[in-house]
Amino acid sequence: MKSFSQFKESIIDIPRQVYAPGVFDNNDTEDPKIKISVLNMITAQFEEFEKDRKDRIAEKIINWITG
């Protein structure tokens, strides 16, 4: 594996001028804000993941007890 001293050049991302208008309000400013609808979708997916995770943990515990 190369160390940092062996790299001759690097890639630096240029800051975006415009963010995705379907995801951000004020997408063409320096301070875009994520839309509430997108934030709600993300939150719902986290809640679904958490519920699924709890169901799987309970299933593993039951399987471990009943062997």
Protein backbone atom coordinates (compact mmCIF):
# COMPACT_ATOMS: atom_id res chain seq x y z
CA MET A 1 0.00 0.00 0.00
CA LYS A 2 1.32 3.44 -0.87
CA SER A 3 1.98 6.00 1.79
CA PHE A 4 0.96 9.62 1.41
CA SER A 5 4.51 10.64 0.48
CA GLN A 6 4.41 8.39 -2.62
CA PHE A 7 1.42 10.12 -4.22
CA LYS A 8 2.39 12.70 -6.82
CA GLU A 9 -1.04 14.28 -7.29
CA SER A 10 -4.50 14.17 -5.79
CA ILE A 11 -8.07 14.81 -6.83
CA ILE A 12 -9.96 17.59 -5.11
CA ASP A 13 -13.68 17.91 -5.69
CA ILE A 14 -14.76 21.33 -6.80
CA PRO A 15 -17.55 22.64 -4.53
CA ARG A 16 -20.94 22.39 -6.17
CA GLN A 17 -22.58 25.52 -7.49
CA VAL A 18 -26.08 24.02 -7.55
CA TYR A 19 -27.45 21.11 -5.52
CA ALA A 20 -30.28 18.78 -6.56
CA PRO A 21 -33.45 20.91 -6.67
CA GLY A 22 -35.64 17.91 -5.82
CA VAL A 23 -33.74 17.36 -2.59
CA PHE A 24 -32.76 20.84 -1.40
CA ASP A 25 -34.53 24.14 -0.87
CA ASN A 26 -32.37 27.13 -1.80
CA ASN A 27 -30.37 24.72 -3.94
CA ASP A 28 -28.50 27.47 -5.78
CA THR A 29 -27.25 29.30 -2.68
CA GLU A 30 -24.27 28.76 -0.41
CA ASP A 31 -26.55 27.42 2.33
CA PRO A 32 -28.97 24.84 0.84
CA LYS A 33 -31.43 23.21 3.24
CA ILE A 34 -32.71 19.66 2.85
CA LYS A 35 -36.43 19.55 2.10
CA ILE A 36 -38.77 18.42 4.86
CA SER A 37 -40.28 15.76 2.57
CA VAL A 38 -36.84 14.24 1.97
CA LEU A 39 -36.01 14.38 5.66
CA ASN A 40 -39.32 12.64 6.43
CA MET A 41 -38.49 9.88 3.91
CA ILE A 42 -35.10 9.33 5.52
CA THR A 43 -36.62 9.26 9.00
CA ALA A 44 -39.27 6.73 7.89
CA GLN A 45 -36.56 4.49 6.44
CA PHE A 46 -34.62 4.63 9.71
CA GLU A 47 -37.77 3.74 11.67
CA GLU A 48 -38.47 0.81 9.31
CA PHE A 49 -34.87 -0.38 9.67
CA GLU A 50 -35.08 -0.13 13.45
CA LYS A 51 -38.35 -2.13 13.52
CA ASP A 52 -36.86 -4.80 11.24
CA ARG A 53 -33.74 -4.95 13.39
CA LYS A 54 -35.78 -5.45 16.57
CA ASP A 55 -37.80 -8.22 14.91
CA ARG A 56 -34.61 -10.01 13.86
CA ILE A 57 -33.06 -9.72 17.32
CA ALA A 58 -36.23 -11.13 18.90
CA GLU A 59 -36.22 -13.99 16.38
CA LYS A 60 -32.58 -14.80 17.16
CA ILE A 61 -33.27 -14.79 20.91
CA ILE A 62 -36.26 -17.11 20.48
CA ASN A 63 -34.23 -19.45 18.27
CA TRP A 64 -31.40 -19.42 20.80
CA ILE A 65 -33.76 -20.26 23.69
CA THR A 66 -35.66 -22.98 21.85
CA GLY A 67 -32.41 -24.27 20.37
